[in-house]
Every structure is written in structure tokens, then in C-alpha cells.
Amino acid sequence: MDVIYLGVFAILSPAFDTRFYSSKTPPNLAEEVKHAVCHFHSLLHVFSLRFIVLLEGELVSHSYVVDRMLGEFAAAAVGFSKGKDHDDGLCGVPSSAFIGFVESILQQSHPNLLPYYQRCLDRSHKHFSWTGPKLQILPRSGDITSLTSIATIGELLDLPGHQIYTTNLDLTPPPSPTPLSELGKRRLRDSGLESADGRPEKRKR
């Protein structure tokens, strides 16, 4: 779970870094984040080869746990930013720019998660850690798989008692990717909040 917390923050970290809101974002910074996220997904792949996850007695894919935490963390961060001063916002950028950046990251990396993220916002979700049922992690051994539904129906992509997706994951085409270094400054340009020198500009009262 600690690895997942770290990975979720790595995915959303550009929104918390004012350097990504500048027109002079260092190229190596975006590459560093991309590299960290790739390593995170590599760790998840190794985990899926060696372990299985049980939630409420159901065998679920590890991606459900990751996506649910990502959607809830994003919603909690956005909710927290809305409570900050309108001009200063969170991390020194206006709240509207921060929210737009978070949603741009989700749209690019996890578009199927946006409806759940929105539902979390609507109910004012405030938790940054796992809120689901206690999970069991078991080794992916022959003895275990023969006793579970993995031998017949496989791992569920969604939990029946708490669904986070509203579309078929296999049918939704991925959006055209936007370079990570462009996401933050695009949001500032769209809202007219970037100054001539590329730094976030405070909204006039």
C-alpha cells in the first residue's frame, strides 16, 4: 500500500509543482516524473505476477485498488484546494489552475476514472488514504488459485459492491496524449493566468 500511495502521488505530482505551470518547464523534470511513473507500473506488473487481491471475498485486479485510490486522492486534493484562498490557491497557483491540471492528468492517464473522481467530488471526499474494505494479499500459487474463482472467471476489474467505472474498460479508446510539461501551462494560458515571463499571475480582484 505504501508503494501505491507513492505511485499515486507520482502520477499527480506535476499538479503540485509550480515548475510545471511555467512556460520554461525543464524538459528533464517531465522526464523524471515519467520515469518514476513507469517504474511504478513495472512494480505493479511484478506484483500481479506474484500475488492476488481479495476484497469482500471477491478476487479483484490490483488495478481496481490503484485506480480507486487515485480517483479518491485526486478528489481530496481538489476539495482541499477549493478551501484555500482563491488567489494563492494550492502550491502557489490559483485553485482553478490546480483543478484543471489534476483533471488533465486524469484525462490523459486514466480517462475511465473521471466519472468516479467526479462522484467523489460531489460527496466531498476528504480522505487521502485507502477507504475501501480490508484487502487480503495472497501469493499466486497453484494451491491458492485452485481454491478461488481465478481458475474460472479470472480477476474482476471492478468491485460489484463499489463500482468505480461506468464504461467498458476494453472499449474506451485512449485519448491523444499531451506532453506532461505542457499540461500545467496550458491550463494557465486557457484561464489567462500566465504572465509574460511564464510565471503564474494572480487573478485581479
C-alpha atoms as a PDB file:
ATOM      1  CA  MET A   1       0.000   0.000   0.000  1.00  0.00           C
ATOM      2  CA  ASP A   2       2.914   2.355   0.662  1.00  0.00           C
ATOM      3  CA  VAL A   3       4.131   1.760  -2.885  1.00  0.00           C
ATOM      4  CA  ILE A   4       0.655   2.576  -4.209  1.00  0.00           C
ATOM      5  CA  TYR A   5       0.500   5.798  -2.163  1.00  0.00           C
ATOM      6  CA  LEU A   6       3.852   6.815  -3.612  1.00  0.00           C
ATOM      7  CA  GLY A   7       2.797   5.871  -7.154  1.00  0.00           C
ATOM      8  CA  VAL A   8      -0.473   7.783  -6.929  1.00  0.00           C
ATOM      9  CA  PHE A   9       1.364  10.881  -5.784  1.00  0.00           C
ATOM     10  CA  ALA A  10       3.941  10.455  -8.559  1.00  0.00           C
ATOM     11  CA  ILE A  11       1.141  10.432 -11.152  1.00  0.00           C
ATOM     12  CA  LEU A  12      -0.393  13.627  -9.773  1.00  0.00           C
ATOM     13  CA  SER A  13       2.845  15.291  -8.644  1.00  0.00           C
ATOM     14  CA  PRO A  14       3.132  17.748 -11.594  1.00  0.00           C
ATOM     15  CA  ALA A  15      -0.045  19.472 -10.393  1.00  0.00           C
ATOM     16  CA  PHE A  16       1.673  20.136  -7.042  1.00  0.00           C
ATOM     17  CA  ASP A  17       4.843  21.549  -8.611  1.00  0.00           C
ATOM     18  CA  THR A  18       4.785  25.186  -9.744  1.00  0.00           C
ATOM     19  CA  ARG A  19       7.574  24.488 -12.231  1.00  0.00           C
ATOM     20  CA  PHE A  20       5.055  22.627 -14.412  1.00  0.00           C
ATOM     21  CA  TYR A  21       2.929  25.762 -14.681  1.00  0.00           C
ATOM     22  CA  SER A  22       5.726  27.750 -16.277  1.00  0.00           C
ATOM     23  CA  SER A  23       6.417  28.119 -19.993  1.00  0.00           C
ATOM     24  CA  LYS A  24      10.022  27.247 -19.120  1.00  0.00           C
ATOM     25  CA  THR A  25       9.426  23.844 -17.537  1.00  0.00           C
ATOM     26  CA  PRO A  26      12.775  21.975 -17.552  1.00  0.00           C
ATOM     27  CA  PRO A  27      12.471  19.050 -20.018  1.00  0.00           C
ATOM     28  CA  ASN A  28      14.374  16.736 -17.655  1.00  0.00           C
ATOM     29  CA  LEU A  29      11.757  17.394 -14.944  1.00  0.00           C
ATOM     30  CA  ALA A  30       8.936  15.967 -17.055  1.00  0.00           C
ATOM     31  CA  GLU A  31      11.157  13.018 -17.981  1.00  0.00           C
ATOM     32  CA  GLU A  32      11.898  12.392 -14.317  1.00  0.00           C
ATOM     33  CA  VAL A  33       8.193  12.165 -13.471  1.00  0.00           C
ATOM     34  CA  LYS A  34       7.539   9.963 -16.494  1.00  0.00           C
ATOM     35  CA  HIS A  35      10.395   7.679 -15.439  1.00  0.00           C
ATOM     36  CA  ALA A  36       9.057   7.395 -11.879  1.00  0.00           C
ATOM     37  CA  VAL A  37       5.537   6.531 -13.097  1.00  0.00           C
ATOM     38  CA  CYS A  38       6.958   3.892 -15.465  1.00  0.00           C
ATOM     39  CA  HIS A  39       8.827   2.293 -12.562  1.00  0.00           C
ATOM     40  CA  PHE A  40       5.617   2.327 -10.528  1.00  0.00           C
ATOM     41  CA  HIS A  41       3.747   0.451 -13.253  1.00  0.00           C
ATOM     42  CA  SER A  42       6.629  -2.008 -13.532  1.00  0.00           C
ATOM     43  CA  LEU A  43       6.325  -2.750  -9.814  1.00  0.00           C
ATOM     44  CA  LEU A  44       2.577  -3.276 -10.217  1.00  0.00           C
ATOM     45  CA  HIS A  45       3.230  -5.718 -13.059  1.00  0.00           C
ATOM     46  CA  VAL A  46       5.649  -7.723 -10.909  1.00  0.00           C
ATOM     47  CA  PHE A  47       3.107  -7.689  -8.064  1.00  0.00           C
ATOM     48  CA  SER A  48       0.334  -9.003 -10.349  1.00  0.00           C
ATOM     49  CA  LEU A  49       2.544 -11.906 -11.417  1.00  0.00           C
ATOM     50  CA  ARG A  50       3.217 -12.953  -7.823  1.00  0.00           C
ATOM     51  CA  PHE A  51       0.125 -12.049  -5.811  1.00  0.00           C
ATOM     52  CA  ILE A  52      -3.676 -11.865  -5.953  1.00  0.00           C
ATOM     53  CA  VAL A  53      -6.017  -9.450  -4.145  1.00  0.00           C
ATOM     54  CA  LEU A  54      -9.265 -10.306  -2.375  1.00  0.00           C
ATOM     55  CA  LEU A  55     -11.816  -7.612  -1.456  1.00  0.00           C
ATOM     56  CA  GLU A  56     -15.083  -8.528   0.266  1.00  0.00           C
ATOM     57  CA  GLY A  57     -14.412 -12.119  -0.743  1.00  0.00           C
ATOM     58  CA  GLU A  58     -14.097 -11.141  -4.413  1.00  0.00           C
ATOM     59  CA  LEU A  59     -10.957 -11.662  -6.443  1.00  0.00           C
ATOM     60  CA  VAL A  60     -10.185  -8.261  -7.996  1.00  0.00           C
ATOM     61  CA  SER A  61      -7.443  -6.888 -10.186  1.00  0.00           C
ATOM     62  CA  HIS A  62      -4.797  -4.765  -8.474  1.00  0.00           C
ATOM     63  CA  SER A  63      -5.722  -2.017 -10.968  1.00  0.00           C
ATOM     64  CA  TYR A  64      -9.036  -1.531  -9.133  1.00  0.00           C
ATOM     65  CA  VAL A  65      -7.211  -0.701  -5.905  1.00  0.00           C
ATOM     66  CA  VAL A  66      -4.796   1.675  -7.665  1.00  0.00           C
ATOM     67  CA  ASP A  67      -7.499   3.455  -9.665  1.00  0.00           C
ATOM     68  CA  ARG A  68      -9.817   3.845  -6.706  1.00  0.00           C
ATOM     69  CA  MET A  69      -7.037   5.358  -4.609  1.00  0.00           C
ATOM     70  CA  LEU A  70      -6.022   7.636  -7.481  1.00  0.00           C
ATOM     71  CA  GLY A  71      -9.574   8.922  -8.001  1.00  0.00           C
ATOM     72  CA  GLU A  72     -10.149   9.496  -4.294  1.00  0.00           C
ATOM     73  CA  PHE A  73      -6.761  11.148  -3.732  1.00  0.00           C
ATOM     74  CA  ALA A  74      -7.346  13.480  -6.675  1.00  0.00           C
ATOM     75  CA  ALA A  75     -10.811  14.417  -5.400  1.00  0.00           C
ATOM     76  CA  ALA A  76      -9.499  15.036  -1.874  1.00  0.00           C
ATOM     77  CA  ALA A  77      -6.714  17.263  -3.210  1.00  0.00           C
ATOM     78  CA  VAL A  78      -9.138  19.251  -5.368  1.00  0.00           C
ATOM     79  CA  GLY A  79     -11.562  19.622  -2.467  1.00  0.00           C
ATOM     80  CA  PHE A  80      -8.736  20.843  -0.255  1.00  0.00           C
ATOM     81  CA  SER A  81      -7.615  23.363  -2.893  1.00  0.00           C
ATOM     82  CA  LYS A  82     -11.117  24.822  -3.076  1.00  0.00           C
ATOM     83  CA  GLY A  83     -10.875  25.707   0.595  1.00  0.00           C
ATOM     84  CA  LYS A  84      -7.717  27.745   0.066  1.00  0.00           C
ATOM     85  CA  ASP A  85      -7.520  31.451  -0.773  1.00  0.00           C
ATOM     86  CA  HIS A  86      -8.816  31.973  -4.309  1.00  0.00           C
ATOM     87  CA  ASP A  87      -5.760  33.870  -5.487  1.00  0.00           C
ATOM     88  CA  ASP A  88      -3.000  31.901  -3.794  1.00  0.00           C
ATOM     89  CA  GLY A  89      -4.734  28.549  -4.106  1.00  0.00           C
ATOM     90  CA  LEU A  90      -2.702  25.409  -3.525  1.00  0.00           C
ATOM     91  CA  CYS A  91       1.060  25.276  -4.192  1.00  0.00           C
ATOM     92  CA  GLY A  92       1.095  28.951  -5.092  1.00  0.00           C
ATOM     93  CA  VAL A  93      -1.207  28.677  -8.123  1.00  0.00           C
ATOM     94  CA  PRO A  94      -4.903  29.588  -8.399  1.00  0.00           C
ATOM     95  CA  SER A  95      -7.307  26.841  -7.385  1.00  0.00           C
ATOM     96  CA  SER A  96      -8.886  26.785 -10.857  1.00  0.00           C
ATOM     97  CA  ALA A  97      -5.494  26.134 -12.486  1.00  0.00           C
ATOM     98  CA  PHE A  98      -4.656  23.365  -9.993  1.00  0.00           C
ATOM     99  CA  ILE A  99      -8.018  21.675 -10.514  1.00  0.00           C
ATOM    100  CA  GLY A 100      -7.667  21.905 -14.271  1.00  0.00           C
ATOM    101  CA  PHE A 101      -4.195  20.364 -14.129  1.00  0.00           C
ATOM    102  CA  VAL A 102      -5.344  17.446 -11.949  1.00  0.00           C
ATOM    103  CA  GLU A 103      -8.222  16.737 -14.311  1.00  0.00           C
ATOM    104  CA  SER A 104      -5.926  16.991 -17.340  1.00  0.00           C
ATOM    105  CA  ILE A 105      -3.643  14.361 -15.811  1.00  0.00           C
ATOM    106  CA  LEU A 106      -6.595  12.047 -15.178  1.00  0.00           C
ATOM    107  CA  GLN A 107      -7.965  12.638 -18.672  1.00  0.00           C
ATOM    108  CA  GLN A 108      -4.622  11.716 -20.179  1.00  0.00           C
ATOM    109  CA  SER A 109      -3.698   8.753 -17.988  1.00  0.00           C
ATOM    110  CA  HIS A 110      -6.973   7.340 -16.591  1.00  0.00           C
ATOM    111  CA  PRO A 111      -9.959   8.698 -18.579  1.00  0.00           C
ATOM    112  CA  ASN A 112     -12.271   5.921 -17.367  1.00  0.00           C
ATOM    113  CA  LEU A 113     -11.703   7.143 -13.819  1.00  0.00           C
ATOM    114  CA  LEU A 114     -13.106  10.649 -14.350  1.00  0.00           C
ATOM    115  CA  PRO A 115     -16.756   9.738 -13.548  1.00  0.00           C
ATOM    116  CA  TYR A 116     -15.703   8.196 -10.224  1.00  0.00           C
ATOM    117  CA  TYR A 117     -13.476  11.176  -9.463  1.00  0.00           C
ATOM    118  CA  GLN A 118     -16.481  13.435 -10.084  1.00  0.00           C
ATOM    119  CA  ARG A 119     -18.686  11.337  -7.802  1.00  0.00           C
ATOM    120  CA  CYS A 120     -16.060  11.663  -5.067  1.00  0.00           C
ATOM    121  CA  LEU A 121     -16.077  15.434  -5.567  1.00  0.00           C
ATOM    122  CA  ASP A 122     -19.862  15.550  -5.370  1.00  0.00           C
ATOM    123  CA  ARG A 123     -19.829  13.817  -1.991  1.00  0.00           C
ATOM    124  CA  SER A 124     -16.907  15.970  -0.723  1.00  0.00           C
ATOM    125  CA  HIS A 125     -14.480  13.088  -0.331  1.00  0.00           C
ATOM    126  CA  LYS A 126     -11.690  14.168   2.038  1.00  0.00           C
ATOM    127  CA  HIS A 127      -9.557  11.057   2.533  1.00  0.00           C
ATOM    128  CA  PHE A 128      -6.097  10.692   1.010  1.00  0.00           C
ATOM    129  CA  SER A 129      -5.670   7.057   2.036  1.00  0.00           C
ATOM    130  CA  TRP A 130      -7.467   3.798   1.234  1.00  0.00           C
ATOM    131  CA  THR A 131     -11.159   3.885   2.229  1.00  0.00           C
ATOM    132  CA  GLY A 132     -12.207   0.515   0.891  1.00  0.00           C
ATOM    133  CA  PRO A 133     -12.704  -2.769   2.774  1.00  0.00           C
ATOM    134  CA  LYS A 134      -9.752  -4.581   4.281  1.00  0.00           C
ATOM    135  CA  LEU A 135      -7.922  -6.324   1.493  1.00  0.00           C
ATOM    136  CA  GLN A 136      -6.148  -9.656   1.511  1.00  0.00           C
ATOM    137  CA  ILE A 137      -2.995 -10.237  -0.484  1.00  0.00           C
ATOM    138  CA  LEU A 138      -2.217 -13.872  -1.197  1.00  0.00           C
ATOM    139  CA  PRO A 139       0.656 -15.468  -3.106  1.00  0.00           C
ATOM    140  CA  ARG A 140      -0.287 -16.519  -6.629  1.00  0.00           C
ATOM    141  CA  SER A 141       0.366 -20.203  -6.100  1.00  0.00           C
ATOM    142  CA  GLY A 142      -1.278 -23.253  -7.594  1.00  0.00           C
ATOM    143  CA  ASP A 143      -2.952 -24.150  -4.304  1.00  0.00           C
ATOM    144  CA  ILE A 144      -4.466 -20.677  -3.910  1.00  0.00           C
ATOM    145  CA  THR A 145      -5.688 -20.261  -7.472  1.00  0.00           C
ATOM    146  CA  SER A 146      -7.366 -23.658  -7.416  1.00  0.00           C
ATOM    147  CA  LEU A 147      -9.437 -22.525  -4.429  1.00  0.00           C
ATOM    148  CA  THR A 148     -10.510 -19.198  -5.918  1.00  0.00           C
ATOM    149  CA  SER A 149     -12.513 -18.051  -8.893  1.00  0.00           C
ATOM    150  CA  ILE A 150      -9.345 -17.111 -10.740  1.00  0.00           C
ATOM    151  CA  ALA A 151      -9.332 -20.595 -12.239  1.00  0.00           C
ATOM    152  CA  THR A 152     -12.716 -19.979 -13.895  1.00  0.00           C
ATOM    153  CA  ILE A 153     -13.683 -16.317 -14.261  1.00  0.00           C
ATOM    154  CA  GLY A 154     -10.392 -14.553 -13.523  1.00  0.00           C
ATOM    155  CA  GLU A 155      -9.903 -11.329 -11.599  1.00  0.00           C
ATOM    156  CA  LEU A 156     -12.675  -8.731 -11.578  1.00  0.00           C
ATOM    157  CA  LEU A 157     -11.790  -5.322 -12.972  1.00  0.00           C
ATOM    158  CA  ASP A 158     -14.474  -3.681 -10.795  1.00  0.00           C
ATOM    159  CA  LEU A 159     -15.870  -4.498  -7.375  1.00  0.00           C
ATOM    160  CA  PRO A 160     -19.623  -5.260  -7.597  1.00  0.00           C
ATOM    161  CA  GLY A 161     -20.342  -3.672  -4.208  1.00  0.00           C
ATOM    162  CA  HIS A 162     -18.476  -0.454  -5.003  1.00  0.00           C
ATOM    163  CA  GLN A 163     -18.089   0.137  -8.723  1.00  0.00           C
ATOM    164  CA  ILE A 164     -15.741   2.889  -9.870  1.00  0.00           C
ATOM    165  CA  TYR A 165     -16.137   2.580 -13.636  1.00  0.00           C
ATOM    166  CA  THR A 166     -19.162   3.474 -15.730  1.00  0.00           C
ATOM    167  CA  THR A 167     -17.823   2.368 -19.109  1.00  0.00           C
ATOM    168  CA  ASN A 168     -16.347  -0.807 -20.538  1.00  0.00           C
ATOM    169  CA  LEU A 169     -12.609  -0.585 -19.953  1.00  0.00           C
ATOM    170  CA  ASP A 170     -11.875  -2.603 -23.075  1.00  0.00           C
ATOM    171  CA  LEU A 171     -13.918  -0.408 -25.425  1.00  0.00           C
ATOM    172  CA  THR A 172     -12.813   3.100 -24.486  1.00  0.00           C
ATOM    173  CA  PRO A 173     -10.022   4.322 -26.792  1.00  0.00           C
ATOM    174  CA  PRO A 174      -7.199   6.225 -25.105  1.00  0.00           C
ATOM    175  CA  PRO A 175      -7.120   9.994 -25.749  1.00  0.00           C
ATOM    176  CA  SER A 176      -4.319  11.590 -27.704  1.00  0.00           C
ATOM    177  CA  PRO A 177      -1.558  12.185 -25.152  1.00  0.00           C
ATOM    178  CA  THR A 178      -0.466  15.693 -24.235  1.00  0.00           C
ATOM    179  CA  PRO A 179       3.179  16.145 -23.196  1.00  0.00           C
ATOM    180  CA  LEU A 180       3.369  16.307 -19.405  1.00  0.00           C
ATOM    181  CA  SER A 181       5.325  19.545 -19.493  1.00  0.00           C
ATOM    182  CA  GLU A 182       2.504  21.218 -21.450  1.00  0.00           C
ATOM    183  CA  LEU A 183      -0.438  20.353 -19.199  1.00  0.00           C
ATOM    184  CA  GLY A 184       0.034  22.913 -16.432  1.00  0.00           C
ATOM    185  CA  LYS A 185       0.935  25.892 -18.566  1.00  0.00           C
ATOM    186  CA  ARG A 186      -1.923  25.153 -20.956  1.00  0.00           C
ATOM    187  CA  ARG A 187      -4.346  25.483 -18.050  1.00  0.00           C
ATOM    188  CA  LEU A 188      -2.817  28.798 -17.054  1.00  0.00           C
ATOM    189  CA  ARG A 189      -2.996  30.103 -20.625  1.00  0.00           C
ATOM    190  CA  ASP A 190      -6.614  28.995 -21.007  1.00  0.00           C
ATOM    191  CA  SER A 191      -7.595  30.919 -17.873  1.00  0.00           C
ATOM    192  CA  GLY A 192      -5.434  33.939 -18.753  1.00  0.00           C
ATOM    193  CA  LEU A 193      -3.401  33.489 -15.579  1.00  0.00           C
ATOM    194  CA  GLU A 194       0.104  33.189 -17.028  1.00  0.00           C
ATOM    195  CA  SER A 195       2.178  36.320 -17.140  1.00  0.00           C
ATOM    196  CA  ALA A 196       4.552  37.367 -19.879  1.00  0.00           C
ATOM    197  CA  ASP A 197       7.542  35.834 -18.086  1.00  0.00           C
ATOM    198  CA  GLY A 198       5.827  32.456 -17.874  1.00  0.00           C
ATOM    199  CA  ARG A 199       5.073  32.524 -14.143  1.00  0.00           C
ATOM    200  CA  PRO A 200       1.593  32.142 -12.625  1.00  0.00           C
ATOM    201  CA  GLU A 201      -0.125  35.500 -12.374  1.00  0.00           C
ATOM    202  CA  LYS A 202      -2.557  36.306  -9.576  1.00  0.00           C
ATOM    203  CA  ARG A 203      -6.136  36.917 -10.535  1.00  0.00           C
ATOM    204  CA  LYS A 204      -7.166  40.538 -10.041  1.00  0.00           C
ATOM    205  CA  ARG A 205      -9.896  41.138  -7.514  1.00  0.00           C
END
